[in-house]
Amino acid sequence: MPPRSSESGNPTPDAYVGLLFVSLAALLTGIIFLFLELSDYGFKIAP
């Protein structure tokens, strides 16, 4: 099988790339809310 040629330039992002950014934003939002919830209970991050 011959290697792919890059004559067409960079591939264009599709809907799946957008979903990756949505999932990254959801993970970061969840981590922030988890930290805020744990701080209500006096949770401290060890130095």
C-alpha atoms as a PDB file:
ATOM      1  CA  MET A   1       0.000   0.000   0.000  1.00  0.00           C
ATOM      2  CA  PRO A   2       1.568   3.313  -1.004  1.00  0.00           C
ATOM      3  CA  PRO A   3       1.822   6.070   1.607  1.00  0.00           C
ATOM      4  CA  ARG A   4      -0.718   8.834   1.579  1.00  0.00           C
ATOM      5  CA  SER A   5       0.222  11.876  -0.402  1.00  0.00           C
ATOM      6  CA  SER A   6      -0.156  15.273   1.182  1.00  0.00           C
ATOM      7  CA  GLU A   7      -1.011  17.053  -2.036  1.00  0.00           C
ATOM      8  CA  SER A   8      -4.310  18.341  -0.670  1.00  0.00           C
ATOM      9  CA  GLY A   9      -2.644  20.077   2.308  1.00  0.00           C
ATOM     10  CA  ASN A  10      -3.889  19.847   5.862  1.00  0.00           C
ATOM     11  CA  PRO A  11      -7.060  17.858   6.486  1.00  0.00           C
ATOM     12  CA  THR A  12     -10.076  19.937   7.432  1.00  0.00           C
ATOM     13  CA  PRO A  13     -11.500  19.442  10.921  1.00  0.00           C
ATOM     14  CA  ASP A  14     -14.846  17.664  10.996  1.00  0.00           C
ATOM     15  CA  ALA A  15     -17.611  17.229  13.564  1.00  0.00           C
ATOM     16  CA  TYR A  16     -15.537  14.784  15.614  1.00  0.00           C
ATOM     17  CA  VAL A  17     -12.891  17.415  16.293  1.00  0.00           C
ATOM     18  CA  GLY A  18     -15.646  19.687  17.574  1.00  0.00           C
ATOM     19  CA  LEU A  19     -16.879  16.902  19.834  1.00  0.00           C
ATOM     20  CA  LEU A  20     -13.364  16.510  21.238  1.00  0.00           C
ATOM     21  CA  PHE A  21     -13.356  20.164  22.273  1.00  0.00           C
ATOM     22  CA  VAL A  22     -16.848  19.838  23.774  1.00  0.00           C
ATOM     23  CA  SER A  23     -15.759  16.838  25.822  1.00  0.00           C
ATOM     24  CA  LEU A  24     -12.604  18.644  26.969  1.00  0.00           C
ATOM     25  CA  ALA A  25     -14.684  21.619  28.104  1.00  0.00           C
ATOM     26  CA  ALA A  26     -17.078  19.273  29.950  1.00  0.00           C
ATOM     27  CA  LEU A  27     -14.189  17.564  31.743  1.00  0.00           C
ATOM     28  CA  LEU A  28     -12.645  20.853  32.820  1.00  0.00           C
ATOM     29  CA  THR A  29     -16.013  22.180  34.001  1.00  0.00           C
ATOM     30  CA  GLY A  30     -16.620  19.000  35.997  1.00  0.00           C
ATOM     31  CA  ILE A  31     -13.198  19.217  37.636  1.00  0.00           C
ATOM     32  CA  ILE A  32     -13.793  22.845  38.601  1.00  0.00           C
ATOM     33  CA  PHE A  33     -17.203  22.071  40.112  1.00  0.00           C
ATOM     34  CA  LEU A  34     -15.772  19.045  41.954  1.00  0.00           C
ATOM     35  CA  PHE A  35     -13.048  21.216  43.458  1.00  0.00           C
ATOM     36  CA  LEU A  36     -15.591  23.850  44.494  1.00  0.00           C
ATOM     37  CA  GLU A  37     -17.822  21.209  46.089  1.00  0.00           C
ATOM     38  CA  LEU A  38     -14.932  19.595  47.964  1.00  0.00           C
ATOM     39  CA  SER A  39     -13.730  22.966  49.244  1.00  0.00           C
ATOM     40  CA  ASP A  40     -17.104  23.357  51.028  1.00  0.00           C
ATOM     41  CA  TYR A  41     -16.145  20.327  53.139  1.00  0.00           C
ATOM     42  CA  GLY A  42     -12.691  21.623  53.988  1.00  0.00           C
ATOM     43  CA  PHE A  43     -10.805  19.497  51.482  1.00  0.00           C
ATOM     44  CA  LYS A  44      -7.205  20.652  51.071  1.00  0.00           C
ATOM     45  CA  ILE A  45      -4.722  19.638  48.388  1.00  0.00           C
ATOM     46  CA  ALA A  46      -1.568  18.230  49.945  1.00  0.00           C
ATOM     47  CA  PRO A  47       1.541  20.352  49.300  1.00  0.00           C
END
